[in-house]
Amino acid sequence: MPNLGGPELIIVLLIFVLLFGAKKLPDLGSSVGRSIKNFKKGVGEGRTDEGRTDEDEEASPPRVDAPPATQSSRDLQ
């Protein structure tokens, strides 16, 4: 991924101003900031949930393997 320098960032900012207008940019920035904050909060909650076990939840019974096939694939041909 290429690095964005000063001139490239200015061009991107000008494109945003042309597309959204100067009045909507603060609203757009704050909504993006809230979205990032909520995403990070959700990721953090997911990490804390991984270490927890629910004691009320019953463990599922072990899976029973299927019985072995009576005919091999060579016999079917």
Protein backbone atom coordinates (compact mmCIF):
# COMPACT_ATOMS: atom_id res chain seq x y z
CA MET A 1 0.00 0.00 0.00
CA PRO A 2 1.51 3.34 -0.99
CA ASN A 3 2.28 5.94 1.64
CA LEU A 4 0.17 9.08 1.54
CA GLY A 5 2.15 12.29 1.87
CA GLY A 6 1.03 15.86 2.40
CA PRO A 7 0.00 16.66 -1.19
CA GLU A 8 -2.02 13.47 -1.51
CA LEU A 9 -3.87 14.13 1.75
CA ILE A 10 -4.72 17.67 0.61
CA ILE A 11 -6.13 16.31 -2.66
CA VAL A 12 -8.23 13.74 -0.77
CA LEU A 13 -9.51 16.47 1.58
CA LEU A 14 -10.46 18.68 -1.38
CA ILE A 15 -12.37 15.80 -2.96
CA PHE A 16 -14.29 15.29 0.30
CA VAL A 17 -15.12 19.00 0.46
CA LEU A 18 -16.38 18.92 -3.13
CA LEU A 19 -18.48 15.80 -2.55
CA PHE A 20 -19.98 16.55 0.86
CA GLY A 21 -19.66 20.30 1.26
CA ALA A 22 -17.89 22.17 4.03
CA LYS A 23 -20.97 22.17 6.30
CA LYS A 24 -21.37 18.40 6.41
CA LEU A 25 -17.70 17.53 7.02
CA PRO A 26 -17.83 18.05 10.83
CA ASP A 27 -20.92 15.83 11.07
CA LEU A 28 -19.27 13.23 8.87
CA GLY A 29 -16.10 13.31 10.97
CA SER A 30 -17.97 12.94 14.24
CA SER A 31 -20.05 10.05 12.95
CA VAL A 32 -16.91 8.28 11.70
CA GLY A 33 -15.28 8.86 15.10
CA ARG A 34 -18.31 7.40 16.91
CA SER A 35 -18.30 4.41 14.59
CA ILE A 36 -14.62 3.73 15.26
CA LYS A 37 -15.20 4.09 19.01
CA ASN A 38 -18.12 1.63 18.93
CA PHE A 39 -16.10 -0.80 16.83
CA LYS A 40 -13.18 -0.74 19.26
CA LYS A 41 -15.59 -1.17 22.18
CA GLY A 42 -17.17 -4.19 20.48
CA VAL A 43 -13.79 -5.74 19.75
CA GLY A 44 -12.76 -5.22 23.38
CA GLU A 45 -15.96 -6.87 24.63
CA GLY A 46 -15.36 -9.80 22.29
CA ARG A 47 -11.90 -10.33 23.73
CA THR A 48 -13.20 -10.38 27.30
CA ASP A 49 -15.96 -12.83 26.34
CA GLU A 50 -13.48 -15.34 24.91
CA GLY A 51 -12.06 -16.15 28.34
CA ARG A 52 -15.44 -16.60 30.00
CA THR A 53 -17.36 -19.83 30.30
CA ASP A 54 -21.07 -19.91 30.94
CA GLU A 55 -21.70 -22.26 33.87
CA ASP A 56 -25.46 -22.28 33.28
CA GLU A 57 -25.02 -23.62 29.79
CA GLU A 58 -24.86 -27.40 29.56
CA ALA A 59 -21.97 -28.95 27.72
CA SER A 60 -22.99 -30.60 24.49
CA PRO A 61 -22.69 -34.39 24.50
CA PRO A 62 -19.73 -35.88 22.65
CA ARG A 63 -20.26 -36.53 18.99
CA VAL A 64 -20.76 -40.15 17.98
CA ASP A 65 -18.69 -41.16 14.99
CA ALA A 66 -20.42 -42.88 12.11
CA PRO A 67 -19.97 -46.64 11.88
CA PRO A 68 -17.35 -47.80 9.39
CA ALA A 69 -18.50 -48.37 5.82
CA THR A 70 -19.30 -51.97 4.93
CA GLN A 71 -18.14 -51.57 1.34
CA SER A 72 -15.01 -49.87 0.19
CA SER A 73 -15.04 -47.41 -2.67
CA ARG A 74 -13.16 -49.93 -4.81
CA ASP A 75 -16.02 -52.42 -4.46
CA LEU A 76 -18.55 -49.89 -5.72
CA GLN A 77 -16.80 -49.38 -9.06
